[in-house]
Amino acid sequence: MANRFALKVEKKMYRMFCLLVGFGFTISGGVSMIMYLNLLTTGYSYKEYTQFLMTRMECYLFIVGLLLIAIAIYFPSRNKKN
């Protein structure tokens, strides 16, 4: 009985870890993308802005963070009671 409880807690902790790491990545990437919006005031077009974002690694953190959050929230648990 205690072993099952420990296993459930371990899975929930894994999900919580994925959620928090995903949240951190999303915040980091989102802040970087907002910060790079200043390029538009220097004469960059929207096309050049998006091309620039594709070359920056920290902007990919936004997408990775969203995926981690989605996995942590929506990935089904394998614990199904009949």
N, C-alpha and C. Protein backbone atom coordinates (compact mmCIF):
# COMPACT_ATOMS: atom_id res chain seq x y z
N MET A 1 0.82 -1.19 0.00
CA MET A 1 0.00 0.00 0.00
C MET A 1 0.87 1.26 0.00
N ALA A 2 1.87 1.27 0.85
CA ALA A 2 2.75 2.44 0.93
C ALA A 2 3.55 2.61 -0.36
N ASN A 3 3.88 1.48 -1.00
CA ASN A 3 4.64 1.54 -2.24
C ASN A 3 3.82 2.20 -3.35
N ARG A 4 2.53 1.90 -3.43
CA ARG A 4 1.66 2.52 -4.43
C ARG A 4 1.55 4.02 -4.20
N PHE A 5 1.43 4.38 -2.93
CA PHE A 5 1.33 5.80 -2.59
C PHE A 5 2.60 6.54 -3.00
N ALA A 6 3.75 5.94 -2.73
CA ALA A 6 5.02 6.56 -3.10
C ALA A 6 5.14 6.70 -4.61
N LEU A 7 4.64 5.72 -5.35
CA LEU A 7 4.69 5.78 -6.81
C LEU A 7 3.80 6.91 -7.34
N LYS A 8 2.61 7.08 -6.74
CA LYS A 8 1.72 8.16 -7.17
C LYS A 8 2.32 9.53 -6.88
N VAL A 9 2.93 9.65 -5.72
CA VAL A 9 3.57 10.92 -5.36
C VAL A 9 4.73 11.21 -6.30
N GLU A 10 5.48 10.18 -6.65
CA GLU A 10 6.61 10.36 -7.56
C GLU A 10 6.15 10.85 -8.92
N LYS A 11 5.06 10.30 -9.44
CA LYS A 11 4.55 10.73 -10.74
C LYS A 11 4.03 12.16 -10.68
N LYS A 12 3.38 12.51 -9.57
CA LYS A 12 2.89 13.88 -9.44
C LYS A 12 4.04 14.87 -9.32
N MET A 13 5.09 14.47 -8.66
CA MET A 13 6.26 15.35 -8.54
C MET A 13 6.92 15.55 -9.91
N TYR A 14 6.95 14.49 -10.73
CA TYR A 14 7.50 14.61 -12.08
C TYR A 14 6.67 15.59 -12.90
N ARG A 15 5.35 15.49 -12.80
CA ARG A 15 4.48 16.42 -13.52
C ARG A 15 4.67 17.85 -13.04
N MET A 16 4.78 18.03 -11.74
CA MET A 16 4.98 19.37 -11.18
C MET A 16 6.32 19.94 -11.63
N PHE A 17 7.35 19.10 -11.67
CA PHE A 17 8.65 19.55 -12.14
C PHE A 17 8.57 19.99 -13.60
N CYS A 18 7.91 19.20 -14.45
CA CYS A 18 7.75 19.56 -15.86
C CYS A 18 6.97 20.86 -16.00
N LEU A 19 5.95 21.02 -15.18
CA LEU A 19 5.15 22.24 -15.24
C LEU A 19 5.98 23.46 -14.87
N LEU A 20 6.74 23.37 -13.81
CA LEU A 20 7.54 24.53 -13.37
C LEU A 20 8.68 24.85 -14.33
N VAL A 21 9.34 23.82 -14.84
CA VAL A 21 10.42 24.06 -15.82
C VAL A 21 9.83 24.66 -17.10
N GLY A 22 8.69 24.12 -17.54
CA GLY A 22 8.03 24.67 -18.72
C GLY A 22 7.61 26.11 -18.52
N PHE A 23 7.12 26.42 -17.33
CA PHE A 23 6.73 27.80 -17.03
C PHE A 23 7.95 28.72 -17.08
N GLY A 24 9.06 28.28 -16.52
CA GLY A 24 10.28 29.09 -16.55
C GLY A 24 10.79 29.31 -17.97
N PHE A 25 10.77 28.25 -18.78
CA PHE A 25 11.20 28.38 -20.18
C PHE A 25 10.28 29.34 -20.94
N THR A 26 8.98 29.22 -20.70
CA THR A 26 8.03 30.08 -21.40
C THR A 26 8.23 31.54 -21.03
N ILE A 27 8.45 31.81 -19.76
CA ILE A 27 8.68 33.19 -19.33
C ILE A 27 9.97 33.72 -19.94
N SER A 28 11.03 32.92 -19.91
CA SER A 28 12.31 33.36 -20.46
C SER A 28 12.21 33.65 -21.95
N GLY A 29 11.60 32.75 -22.69
CA GLY A 29 11.45 32.96 -24.13
C GLY A 29 10.52 34.10 -24.46
N GLY A 30 9.43 34.23 -23.72
CA GLY A 30 8.48 35.31 -23.97
C GLY A 30 9.07 36.68 -23.69
N VAL A 31 9.82 36.79 -22.61
CA VAL A 31 10.47 38.07 -22.29
C VAL A 31 11.49 38.42 -23.36
N SER A 32 12.21 37.42 -23.86
CA SER A 32 13.18 37.69 -24.93
C SER A 32 12.49 38.17 -26.19
N MET A 33 11.37 37.54 -26.53
CA MET A 33 10.65 37.96 -27.74
C MET A 33 10.10 39.38 -27.58
N ILE A 34 9.62 39.72 -26.41
CA ILE A 34 9.13 41.08 -26.17
C ILE A 34 10.29 42.07 -26.22
N MET A 35 11.42 41.67 -25.66
CA MET A 35 12.59 42.55 -25.67
C MET A 35 13.05 42.82 -27.10
N TYR A 36 12.99 41.80 -27.95
CA TYR A 36 13.43 41.97 -29.33
C TYR A 36 12.42 42.76 -30.16
N LEU A 37 11.24 43.05 -29.62
CA LEU A 37 10.30 43.91 -30.34
C LEU A 37 10.87 45.31 -30.57
N ASN A 38 11.88 45.68 -29.80
CA ASN A 38 12.53 46.98 -30.00
C ASN A 38 13.19 47.07 -31.37
N LEU A 39 13.44 45.93 -32.00
CA LEU A 39 14.03 45.96 -33.34
C LEU A 39 13.08 46.59 -34.35
N LEU A 40 11.78 46.51 -34.09
CA LEU A 40 10.82 47.11 -35.02
C LEU A 40 10.95 48.63 -35.04
N THR A 41 11.35 49.21 -33.92
CA THR A 41 11.50 50.67 -33.90
C THR A 41 12.77 51.13 -34.59
N THR A 42 13.70 50.21 -34.82
CA THR A 42 14.95 50.58 -35.50
C THR A 42 14.84 50.40 -37.01
N GLY A 43 13.66 50.01 -37.50
CA GLY A 43 13.48 49.92 -38.94
C GLY A 43 13.32 48.51 -39.48
N TYR A 44 13.35 47.51 -38.62
CA TYR A 44 13.14 46.14 -39.08
C TYR A 44 11.68 45.96 -39.48
N SER A 45 11.43 45.16 -40.51
CA SER A 45 10.06 44.82 -40.86
C SER A 45 9.64 43.59 -40.05
N TYR A 46 8.36 43.25 -40.11
CA TYR A 46 7.88 42.08 -39.37
C TYR A 46 8.53 40.79 -39.89
N LYS A 47 8.77 40.75 -41.19
CA LYS A 47 9.42 39.58 -41.78
C LYS A 47 10.85 39.44 -41.26
N GLU A 48 11.58 40.54 -41.23
CA GLU A 48 12.95 40.52 -40.71
C GLU A 48 12.97 40.19 -39.22
N TYR A 49 11.97 40.68 -38.50
CA TYR A 49 11.85 40.40 -37.07
C TYR A 49 11.66 38.90 -36.82
N THR A 50 10.75 38.28 -37.57
CA THR A 50 10.53 36.84 -37.36
C THR A 50 11.73 36.02 -37.82
N GLN A 51 12.41 36.46 -38.88
CA GLN A 51 13.62 35.77 -39.30
C GLN A 51 14.70 35.88 -38.24
N PHE A 52 14.80 37.03 -37.60
CA PHE A 52 15.76 37.20 -36.53
C PHE A 52 15.42 36.31 -35.34
N LEU A 53 14.13 36.22 -35.00
CA LEU A 53 13.72 35.37 -33.88
C LEU A 53 14.07 33.91 -34.12
N MET A 54 14.00 33.48 -35.37
CA MET A 54 14.31 32.08 -35.68
C MET A 54 15.80 31.76 -35.49
N THR A 55 16.63 32.78 -35.43
CA THR A 55 18.06 32.54 -35.23
C THR A 55 18.46 32.59 -33.77
N ARG A 56 17.56 33.01 -32.89
CA ARG A 56 17.88 33.17 -31.47
C ARG A 56 17.42 31.94 -30.69
N MET A 57 18.33 31.33 -29.95
CA MET A 57 18.02 30.11 -29.21
C MET A 57 17.03 30.36 -28.08
N GLU A 58 17.13 31.50 -27.42
CA GLU A 58 16.24 31.74 -26.27
C GLU A 58 14.78 31.88 -26.69
N CYS A 59 14.53 32.19 -27.94
CA CYS A 59 13.14 32.27 -28.40
C CYS A 59 12.54 30.88 -28.59
N TYR A 60 13.38 29.89 -28.84
CA TYR A 60 12.88 28.51 -28.92
C TYR A 60 12.47 27.99 -27.54
N LEU A 61 12.98 28.61 -26.49
CA LEU A 61 12.57 28.21 -25.14
C LEU A 61 11.08 28.42 -24.93
N PHE A 62 10.51 29.42 -25.58
CA PHE A 62 9.08 29.68 -25.46
C PHE A 62 8.27 28.48 -25.96
N ILE A 63 8.65 27.95 -27.10
CA ILE A 63 7.94 26.81 -27.68
C ILE A 63 8.15 25.56 -26.83
N VAL A 64 9.38 25.33 -26.41
CA VAL A 64 9.68 24.16 -25.56
C VAL A 64 8.92 24.25 -24.25
N GLY A 65 8.85 25.44 -23.69
CA GLY A 65 8.11 25.64 -22.44
C GLY A 65 6.63 25.35 -22.60
N LEU A 66 6.04 25.81 -23.70
CA LEU A 66 4.63 25.52 -23.94
C LEU A 66 4.38 24.03 -24.09
N LEU A 67 5.30 23.34 -24.75
CA LEU A 67 5.15 21.89 -24.90
C LEU A 67 5.26 21.17 -23.55
N LEU A 68 6.19 21.59 -22.72
CA LEU A 68 6.33 20.98 -21.40
C LEU A 68 5.09 21.22 -20.53
N ILE A 69 4.54 22.40 -20.60
CA ILE A 69 3.33 22.69 -19.84
C ILE A 69 2.17 21.83 -20.34
N ALA A 70 2.04 21.73 -21.66
CA ALA A 70 0.96 20.91 -22.22
C ALA A 70 1.11 19.45 -21.84
N ILE A 71 2.33 18.94 -21.85
CA ILE A 71 2.56 17.55 -21.46
C ILE A 71 2.23 17.35 -19.99
N ALA A 72 2.64 18.29 -19.16
CA ALA A 72 2.39 18.16 -17.72
C ALA A 72 0.90 18.21 -17.39
N ILE A 73 0.15 18.98 -18.14
CA ILE A 73 -1.27 19.14 -17.83
C ILE A 73 -2.13 18.09 -18.53
N TYR A 74 -1.89 17.88 -19.81
CA TYR A 74 -2.82 17.08 -20.61
C TYR A 74 -2.40 15.64 -20.84
N PHE A 75 -1.16 15.28 -20.54
CA PHE A 75 -0.73 13.90 -20.77
C PHE A 75 -1.47 12.99 -19.80
N PRO A 76 -2.15 11.97 -20.32
CA PRO A 76 -2.99 11.15 -19.43
C PRO A 76 -2.16 10.31 -18.47
N SER A 77 -2.69 10.16 -17.29
CA SER A 77 -2.05 9.34 -16.27
C SER A 77 -2.33 7.87 -16.59
N ARG A 78 -1.40 7.01 -16.25
CA ARG A 78 -1.59 5.58 -16.51
C ARG A 78 -2.33 4.88 -15.38
N ASN A 79 -2.61 5.60 -14.32
CA ASN A 79 -3.34 5.02 -13.19
C ASN A 79 -4.83 5.09 -13.46
N LYS A 80 -5.40 4.00 -13.91
CA LYS A 80 -6.83 3.95 -14.16
C LYS A 80 -7.43 2.84 -13.31
N LYS A 81 -8.41 3.22 -12.54
CA LYS A 81 -9.08 2.23 -11.70
C LYS A 81 -10.29 1.69 -12.45
N ASN A 82 -10.48 0.40 -12.35
CA ASN A 82 -11.63 -0.24 -13.01
C ASN A 82 -12.84 -0.24 -12.12
